[in-house]
């Protein structure tokens, strides 16, 4: 009897071991092949209230991918009031006239977003882990973003003038100083600025922009060269 109990305990241990190994393998495969975005079918015709069919189904599935756009998330194949409201929210986010119908401009924008492979993206990248390594005539700016993004550093010996952006996908107005662009779109950036003056205070702003055009900036800060 004791041998049978020991055997069952051993079998149970092997099962747990193999289950844990499978979970670990699945996690490794997921990290090696991350899912970047859901894929959606393009819309092939203009749509409005009363429309029905596969194009409406595709539209609703696309809009439902963002609960801020289409919180009800109903995919019925019929273009009713809820779909109209979701289309209007999409149009507002992308600065298109809020007519509530999928006309030529909205149709082109929806298919452009679908073809880009990012889904509905109205969220700007978050900038973090900022550091500035300086010498007497150079400064190396490093930062991370929450998604792949291009980067830009504004720098000046005088404080910048800043005005708020006027649209969802536009940059703020920053006046004064010079800029240095990051070469690639990535989640970790390093930008080197040279030909600085020694023993001088410089003001800087970091900007990040993702593939969908969402922009974020830091508040201006300062550093002094050696």
C-alpha atoms as a PDB file:
ATOM      1  CA  UNK A   1       0.000   0.000   0.000  1.00  0.00           C
ATOM      2  CA  UNK A   2       2.787   2.427   0.916  1.00  0.00           C
ATOM      3  CA  UNK A   3       4.531   1.664  -2.368  1.00  0.00           C
ATOM      4  CA  UNK A   4       1.320   2.437  -4.308  1.00  0.00           C
ATOM      5  CA  UNK A   5       0.887   5.734  -2.477  1.00  0.00           C
ATOM      6  CA  UNK A   6       4.525   6.648  -3.161  1.00  0.00           C
ATOM      7  CA  UNK A   7       4.075   5.743  -6.834  1.00  0.00           C
ATOM      8  CA  UNK A   8       0.961   7.925  -7.129  1.00  0.00           C
ATOM      9  CA  UNK A   9       2.797  10.826  -5.457  1.00  0.00           C
ATOM     10  CA  UNK A  10       5.680  10.389  -7.906  1.00  0.00           C
ATOM     11  CA  UNK A  11       3.288  10.312 -10.881  1.00  0.00           C
ATOM     12  CA  UNK A  12       1.553  13.431  -9.578  1.00  0.00           C
ATOM     13  CA  UNK A  13       4.932  15.146  -9.231  1.00  0.00           C
ATOM     14  CA  UNK A  14       5.856  14.260 -12.808  1.00  0.00           C
ATOM     15  CA  UNK A  15       2.539  15.680 -14.054  1.00  0.00           C
ATOM     16  CA  UNK A  16       3.139  18.952 -12.211  1.00  0.00           C
ATOM     17  CA  UNK A  17       6.698  19.101 -13.549  1.00  0.00           C
ATOM     18  CA  UNK A  18       5.640  18.613 -17.170  1.00  0.00           C
ATOM     19  CA  UNK A  19       2.761  21.090 -16.797  1.00  0.00           C
ATOM     20  CA  UNK A  20       5.149  23.722 -15.442  1.00  0.00           C
ATOM     21  CA  UNK A  21       7.596  22.992 -18.273  1.00  0.00           C
ATOM     22  CA  UNK A  22       4.841  23.439 -20.870  1.00  0.00           C
ATOM     23  CA  UNK A  23       3.778  26.751 -19.331  1.00  0.00           C
ATOM     24  CA  UNK A  24       7.394  27.952 -19.322  1.00  0.00           C
ATOM     25  CA  UNK A  25       7.827  26.920 -22.973  1.00  0.00           C
ATOM     26  CA  UNK A  26       4.614  28.711 -23.940  1.00  0.00           C
ATOM     27  CA  UNK A  27       5.835  31.863 -22.200  1.00  0.00           C
ATOM     28  CA  UNK A  28       9.173  31.728 -24.015  1.00  0.00           C
ATOM     29  CA  UNK A  29       7.417  31.283 -27.370  1.00  0.00           C
ATOM     30  CA  UNK A  30       5.109  34.212 -26.627  1.00  0.00           C
ATOM     31  CA  UNK A  31       8.051  36.473 -25.783  1.00  0.00           C
ATOM     32  CA  UNK A  32       9.866  35.373 -28.930  1.00  0.00           C
ATOM     33  CA  UNK A  33       6.829  36.028 -31.096  1.00  0.00           C
ATOM     34  CA  UNK A  34       4.875  38.878 -29.486  1.00  0.00           C
ATOM     35  CA  UNK A  35       1.487  39.845 -30.889  1.00  0.00           C
ATOM     36  CA  UNK A  36       1.751  43.432 -32.043  1.00  0.00           C
ATOM     37  CA  UNK A  37      -1.799  44.125 -33.132  1.00  0.00           C
ATOM     38  CA  UNK A  38      -5.031  42.476 -34.103  1.00  0.00           C
ATOM     39  CA  UNK A  39      -5.702  42.111 -37.816  1.00  0.00           C
ATOM     40  CA  UNK A  40      -8.909  43.518 -39.278  1.00  0.00           C
ATOM     41  CA  UNK A  41     -10.575  43.190 -42.650  1.00  0.00           C
ATOM     42  CA  UNK A  42     -10.608  46.390 -44.730  1.00  0.00           C
ATOM     43  CA  UNK A  43     -13.878  48.195 -45.461  1.00  0.00           C
ATOM     44  CA  UNK A  44     -14.749  48.246 -49.167  1.00  0.00           C
ATOM     45  CA  UNK A  45     -17.728  50.624 -49.316  1.00  0.00           C
ATOM     46  CA  UNK A  46     -19.176  53.750 -47.761  1.00  0.00           C
ATOM     47  CA  UNK A  47     -21.630  53.099 -44.935  1.00  0.00           C
ATOM     48  CA  UNK A  48     -24.324  54.911 -42.981  1.00  0.00           C
ATOM     49  CA  UNK A  49     -27.304  54.245 -40.726  1.00  0.00           C
ATOM     50  CA  UNK A  50     -29.388  51.445 -42.233  1.00  0.00           C
ATOM     51  CA  UNK A  51     -26.477  49.717 -43.956  1.00  0.00           C
ATOM     52  CA  UNK A  52     -25.967  46.023 -43.286  1.00  0.00           C
ATOM     53  CA  UNK A  53     -23.732  43.152 -44.324  1.00  0.00           C
ATOM     54  CA  UNK A  54     -20.115  42.078 -44.050  1.00  0.00           C
ATOM     55  CA  UNK A  55     -18.688  45.583 -44.398  1.00  0.00           C
ATOM     56  CA  UNK A  56     -20.691  46.705 -41.363  1.00  0.00           C
ATOM     57  CA  UNK A  57     -19.530  43.605 -39.473  1.00  0.00           C
ATOM     58  CA  UNK A  58     -15.906  44.441 -40.341  1.00  0.00           C
ATOM     59  CA  UNK A  59     -16.431  48.063 -39.318  1.00  0.00           C
ATOM     60  CA  UNK A  60     -17.960  47.128 -35.972  1.00  0.00           C
ATOM     61  CA  UNK A  61     -15.228  44.600 -35.196  1.00  0.00           C
ATOM     62  CA  UNK A  62     -12.616  47.255 -35.945  1.00  0.00           C
ATOM     63  CA  UNK A  63     -14.313  49.942 -33.819  1.00  0.00           C
ATOM     64  CA  UNK A  64     -14.899  47.486 -30.955  1.00  0.00           C
ATOM     65  CA  UNK A  65     -11.143  46.953 -30.625  1.00  0.00           C
ATOM     66  CA  UNK A  66     -11.068  50.206 -28.634  1.00  0.00           C
ATOM     67  CA  UNK A  67     -13.632  50.490 -25.847  1.00  0.00           C
ATOM     68  CA  UNK A  68     -13.162  54.262 -25.782  1.00  0.00           C
ATOM     69  CA  UNK A  69     -14.413  54.379 -29.366  1.00  0.00           C
ATOM     70  CA  UNK A  70     -17.137  51.742 -29.189  1.00  0.00           C
ATOM     71  CA  UNK A  71     -17.796  50.809 -25.541  1.00  0.00           C
ATOM     72  CA  UNK A  72     -20.821  48.645 -26.376  1.00  0.00           C
ATOM     73  CA  UNK A  73     -18.715  46.535 -28.754  1.00  0.00           C
ATOM     74  CA  UNK A  74     -21.734  44.994 -30.491  1.00  0.00           C
ATOM     75  CA  UNK A  75     -20.956  43.265 -33.806  1.00  0.00           C
ATOM     76  CA  UNK A  76     -24.360  42.729 -35.418  1.00  0.00           C
ATOM     77  CA  UNK A  77     -23.830  43.526 -39.090  1.00  0.00           C
ATOM     78  CA  UNK A  78     -26.397  46.335 -38.879  1.00  0.00           C
ATOM     79  CA  UNK A  79     -25.426  50.025 -38.847  1.00  0.00           C
ATOM     80  CA  UNK A  80     -27.614  51.571 -36.159  1.00  0.00           C
ATOM     81  CA  UNK A  81     -27.343  54.341 -33.609  1.00  0.00           C
ATOM     82  CA  UNK A  82     -24.571  52.744 -31.563  1.00  0.00           C
ATOM     83  CA  UNK A  83     -22.394  52.248 -34.644  1.00  0.00           C
ATOM     84  CA  UNK A  84     -23.086  55.824 -35.720  1.00  0.00           C
ATOM     85  CA  UNK A  85     -21.967  57.104 -32.303  1.00  0.00           C
ATOM     86  CA  UNK A  86     -18.804  54.984 -32.496  1.00  0.00           C
ATOM     87  CA  UNK A  87     -18.014  56.299 -35.976  1.00  0.00           C
ATOM     88  CA  UNK A  88     -18.475  59.858 -34.691  1.00  0.00           C
ATOM     89  CA  UNK A  89     -16.034  59.166 -31.852  1.00  0.00           C
ATOM     90  CA  UNK A  90     -13.532  57.746 -34.339  1.00  0.00           C
ATOM     91  CA  UNK A  91     -13.954  60.857 -36.495  1.00  0.00           C
ATOM     92  CA  UNK A  92     -13.448  63.121 -33.487  1.00  0.00           C
ATOM     93  CA  UNK A  93     -10.230  61.351 -32.518  1.00  0.00           C
ATOM     94  CA  UNK A  94      -8.846  61.602 -36.040  1.00  0.00           C
ATOM     95  CA  UNK A  95     -10.068  65.177 -36.627  1.00  0.00           C
ATOM     96  CA  UNK A  96     -12.621  64.281 -39.303  1.00  0.00           C
ATOM     97  CA  UNK A  97     -16.005  65.993 -39.505  1.00  0.00           C
ATOM     98  CA  UNK A  98     -18.310  64.167 -37.087  1.00  0.00           C
ATOM     99  CA  UNK A  99     -21.063  63.217 -39.532  1.00  0.00           C
ATOM    100  CA  UNK A 100     -21.588  59.712 -38.165  1.00  0.00           C
ATOM    101  CA  UNK A 101     -21.341  58.085 -41.582  1.00  0.00           C
ATOM    102  CA  UNK A 102     -18.416  56.361 -43.271  1.00  0.00           C
ATOM    103  CA  UNK A 103     -17.859  58.635 -46.252  1.00  0.00           C
ATOM    104  CA  UNK A 104     -14.800  58.743 -48.520  1.00  0.00           C
ATOM    105  CA  UNK A 105     -12.501  60.494 -46.006  1.00  0.00           C
ATOM    106  CA  UNK A 106     -13.477  58.291 -43.064  1.00  0.00           C
ATOM    107  CA  UNK A 107     -13.295  55.168 -45.238  1.00  0.00           C
ATOM    108  CA  UNK A 108      -9.776  56.072 -46.347  1.00  0.00           C
ATOM    109  CA  UNK A 109      -8.679  56.768 -42.764  1.00  0.00           C
ATOM    110  CA  UNK A 110     -10.138  53.518 -41.401  1.00  0.00           C
ATOM    111  CA  UNK A 111      -8.416  51.459 -44.088  1.00  0.00           C
ATOM    112  CA  UNK A 112      -5.184  53.374 -43.533  1.00  0.00           C
ATOM    113  CA  UNK A 113      -5.259  52.510 -39.829  1.00  0.00           C
ATOM    114  CA  UNK A 114      -6.126  48.883 -40.611  1.00  0.00           C
ATOM    115  CA  UNK A 115      -3.347  48.575 -43.198  1.00  0.00           C
ATOM    116  CA  UNK A 116      -0.815  50.069 -40.775  1.00  0.00           C
ATOM    117  CA  UNK A 117      -1.395  47.033 -38.564  1.00  0.00           C
ATOM    118  CA  UNK A 118      -1.654  48.932 -35.271  1.00  0.00           C
ATOM    119  CA  UNK A 119      -5.409  48.992 -34.822  1.00  0.00           C
ATOM    120  CA  UNK A 120      -7.067  52.103 -33.433  1.00  0.00           C
ATOM    121  CA  UNK A 121      -4.255  53.896 -31.677  1.00  0.00           C
ATOM    122  CA  UNK A 122      -4.933  57.261 -30.056  1.00  0.00           C
ATOM    123  CA  UNK A 123      -2.535  56.793 -27.158  1.00  0.00           C
ATOM    124  CA  UNK A 124       0.754  58.653 -27.076  1.00  0.00           C
ATOM    125  CA  UNK A 125       3.928  56.850 -25.982  1.00  0.00           C
ATOM    126  CA  UNK A 126       4.960  57.338 -22.369  1.00  0.00           C
ATOM    127  CA  UNK A 127       8.469  58.750 -21.902  1.00  0.00           C
ATOM    128  CA  UNK A 128      10.475  57.442 -18.935  1.00  0.00           C
ATOM    129  CA  UNK A 129      13.980  56.755 -17.595  1.00  0.00           C
ATOM    130  CA  UNK A 130      15.401  60.029 -18.865  1.00  0.00           C
ATOM    131  CA  UNK A 131      19.102  60.645 -18.321  1.00  0.00           C
ATOM    132  CA  UNK A 132      21.586  63.250 -19.550  1.00  0.00           C
ATOM    133  CA  UNK A 133      25.306  62.456 -19.657  1.00  0.00           C
ATOM    134  CA  UNK A 134      27.307  65.591 -20.401  1.00  0.00           C
ATOM    135  CA  UNK A 135      30.872  66.711 -20.997  1.00  0.00           C
ATOM    136  CA  UNK A 136      32.177  70.203 -21.569  1.00  0.00           C
ATOM    137  CA  UNK A 137      30.820  70.300 -25.141  1.00  0.00           C
ATOM    138  CA  UNK A 138      28.468  67.329 -25.617  1.00  0.00           C
ATOM    139  CA  UNK A 139      25.320  65.870 -24.053  1.00  0.00           C
ATOM    140  CA  UNK A 140      23.946  62.371 -24.529  1.00  0.00           C
ATOM    141  CA  UNK A 141      20.210  62.097 -23.925  1.00  0.00           C
ATOM    142  CA  UNK A 142      18.748  58.677 -23.185  1.00  0.00           C
ATOM    143  CA  UNK A 143      15.130  57.697 -22.567  1.00  0.00           C
ATOM    144  CA  UNK A 144      12.667  54.856 -22.926  1.00  0.00           C
ATOM    145  CA  UNK A 145       9.141  54.824 -24.345  1.00  0.00           C
ATOM    146  CA  UNK A 146       6.214  52.499 -23.728  1.00  0.00           C
ATOM    147  CA  UNK A 147       6.089  51.601 -27.440  1.00  0.00           C
ATOM    148  CA  UNK A 148       8.162  51.984 -30.584  1.00  0.00           C
ATOM    149  CA  UNK A 149       8.530  55.693 -31.263  1.00  0.00           C
ATOM    150  CA  UNK A 150      10.694  58.204 -33.024  1.00  0.00           C
ATOM    151  CA  UNK A 151      12.411  60.840 -30.936  1.00  0.00           C
ATOM    152  CA  UNK A 152      13.541  64.433 -30.960  1.00  0.00           C
ATOM    153  CA  UNK A 153      15.495  66.594 -28.530  1.00  0.00           C
ATOM    154  CA  UNK A 154      14.978  70.354 -28.373  1.00  0.00           C
ATOM    155  CA  UNK A 155      17.823  72.228 -26.698  1.00  0.00           C
ATOM    156  CA  UNK A 156      18.608  75.873 -26.075  1.00  0.00           C
ATOM    157  CA  UNK A 157      20.541  78.222 -23.806  1.00  0.00           C
ATOM    158  CA  UNK A 158      17.266  80.088 -23.127  1.00  0.00           C
ATOM    159  CA  UNK A 159      13.927  78.738 -21.891  1.00  0.00           C
ATOM    160  CA  UNK A 160      11.519  77.597 -24.614  1.00  0.00           C
ATOM    161  CA  UNK A 161       8.163  79.036 -25.463  1.00  0.00           C
ATOM    162  CA  UNK A 162       5.519  76.279 -25.485  1.00  0.00           C
ATOM    163  CA  UNK A 163       1.922  76.287 -26.703  1.00  0.00           C
ATOM    164  CA  UNK A 164      -0.499  73.366 -26.592  1.00  0.00           C
ATOM    165  CA  UNK A 165      -1.130  71.250 -29.691  1.00  0.00           C
ATOM    166  CA  UNK A 166      -4.382  72.050 -31.482  1.00  0.00           C
ATOM    167  CA  UNK A 167      -5.247  68.504 -32.582  1.00  0.00           C
ATOM    168  CA  UNK A 168      -5.015  64.868 -31.572  1.00  0.00           C
ATOM    169  CA  UNK A 169      -2.072  64.082 -33.854  1.00  0.00           C
ATOM    170  CA  UNK A 170      -0.175  67.365 -33.928  1.00  0.00           C
ATOM    171  CA  UNK A 171       2.937  68.461 -32.115  1.00  0.00           C
ATOM    172  CA  UNK A 172       2.893  71.266 -29.551  1.00  0.00           C
ATOM    173  CA  UNK A 173       4.334  74.591 -30.634  1.00  0.00           C
ATOM    174  CA  UNK A 174       7.868  74.893 -29.259  1.00  0.00           C
ATOM    175  CA  UNK A 175       9.777  78.050 -30.093  1.00  0.00           C
ATOM    176  CA  UNK A 176      13.469  78.730 -29.658  1.00  0.00           C
ATOM    177  CA  UNK A 177      16.579  76.605 -29.752  1.00  0.00           C
ATOM    178  CA  UNK A 178      17.718  73.749 -31.979  1.00  0.00           C
ATOM    179  CA  UNK A 179      16.622  70.155 -32.481  1.00  0.00           C
ATOM    180  CA  UNK A 180      18.349  66.804 -32.888  1.00  0.00           C
ATOM    181  CA  UNK A 181      16.422  63.808 -34.247  1.00  0.00           C
ATOM    182  CA  UNK A 182      16.720  60.182 -33.198  1.00  0.00           C
ATOM    183  CA  UNK A 183      17.641  57.989 -36.170  1.00  0.00           C
ATOM    184  CA  UNK A 184      15.254  55.059 -35.662  1.00  0.00           C
ATOM    185  CA  UNK A 185      11.816  54.323 -34.239  1.00  0.00           C
ATOM    186  CA  UNK A 186      12.429  52.185 -31.151  1.00  0.00           C
ATOM    187  CA  UNK A 187      11.586  51.910 -27.464  1.00  0.00           C
ATOM    188  CA  UNK A 188      15.008  52.982 -26.198  1.00  0.00           C
ATOM    189  CA  UNK A 189      16.647  56.100 -27.600  1.00  0.00           C
ATOM    190  CA  UNK A 190      20.069  57.737 -27.385  1.00  0.00           C
ATOM    191  CA  UNK A 191      20.670  61.140 -28.961  1.00  0.00           C
ATOM    192  CA  UNK A 192      24.019  62.918 -28.866  1.00  0.00           C
ATOM    193  CA  UNK A 193      24.170  66.702 -29.122  1.00  0.00           C
ATOM    194  CA  UNK A 194      27.575  68.214 -29.795  1.00  0.00           C
ATOM    195  CA  UNK A 195      29.220  71.635 -30.206  1.00  0.00           C
ATOM    196  CA  UNK A 196      27.890  72.872 -26.880  1.00  0.00           C
ATOM    197  CA  UNK A 197      29.559  75.594 -24.839  1.00  0.00           C
ATOM    198  CA  UNK A 198      31.386  74.649 -21.626  1.00  0.00           C
ATOM    199  CA  UNK A 199      30.060  75.771 -18.225  1.00  0.00           C
ATOM    200  CA  UNK A 200      26.731  76.685 -19.779  1.00  0.00           C
ATOM    201  CA  UNK A 201      23.158  75.961 -18.733  1.00  0.00           C
ATOM    202  CA  UNK A 202      21.023  74.353 -21.424  1.00  0.00           C
ATOM    203  CA  UNK A 203      17.287  73.782 -21.445  1.00  0.00           C
ATOM    204  CA  UNK A 204      15.860  70.725 -23.159  1.00  0.00           C
ATOM    205  CA  UNK A 205      12.587  69.033 -24.106  1.00  0.00           C
ATOM    206  CA  UNK A 206      12.241  65.446 -25.320  1.00  0.00           C
ATOM    207  CA  UNK A 207       9.520  64.525 -27.801  1.00  0.00           C
ATOM    208  CA  UNK A 208       8.327  61.048 -28.838  1.00  0.00           C
ATOM    209  CA  UNK A 209       5.978  60.190 -31.702  1.00  0.00           C
ATOM    210  CA  UNK A 210       4.613  56.711 -32.489  1.00  0.00           C
ATOM    211  CA  UNK A 211       3.741  55.217 -35.876  1.00  0.00           C
ATOM    212  CA  UNK A 212       0.141  56.431 -35.622  1.00  0.00           C
ATOM    213  CA  UNK A 213       1.235  60.029 -35.098  1.00  0.00           C
ATOM    214  CA  UNK A 214       0.514  60.290 -31.359  1.00  0.00           C
ATOM    215  CA  UNK A 215       2.895  62.771 -29.739  1.00  0.00           C
ATOM    216  CA  UNK A 216       4.134  63.188 -26.170  1.00  0.00           C
ATOM    217  CA  UNK A 217       6.675  65.627 -24.770  1.00  0.00           C
ATOM    218  CA  UNK A 218       8.423  66.196 -21.473  1.00  0.00           C
ATOM    219  CA  UNK A 219       8.297  69.443 -19.600  1.00  0.00           C
ATOM    220  CA  UNK A 220      11.439  71.436 -20.162  1.00  0.00           C
ATOM    221  CA  UNK A 221      14.347  70.712 -17.865  1.00  0.00           C
ATOM    222  CA  UNK A 222      17.903  71.991 -17.620  1.00  0.00           C
ATOM    223  CA  UNK A 223      21.473  70.759 -17.261  1.00  0.00           C
ATOM    224  CA  UNK A 224      24.877  72.427 -17.226  1.00  0.00           C
ATOM    225  CA  UNK A 225      27.885  71.374 -19.266  1.00  0.00           C
ATOM    226  CA  UNK A 226      31.195  70.733 -17.488  1.00  0.00           C
END
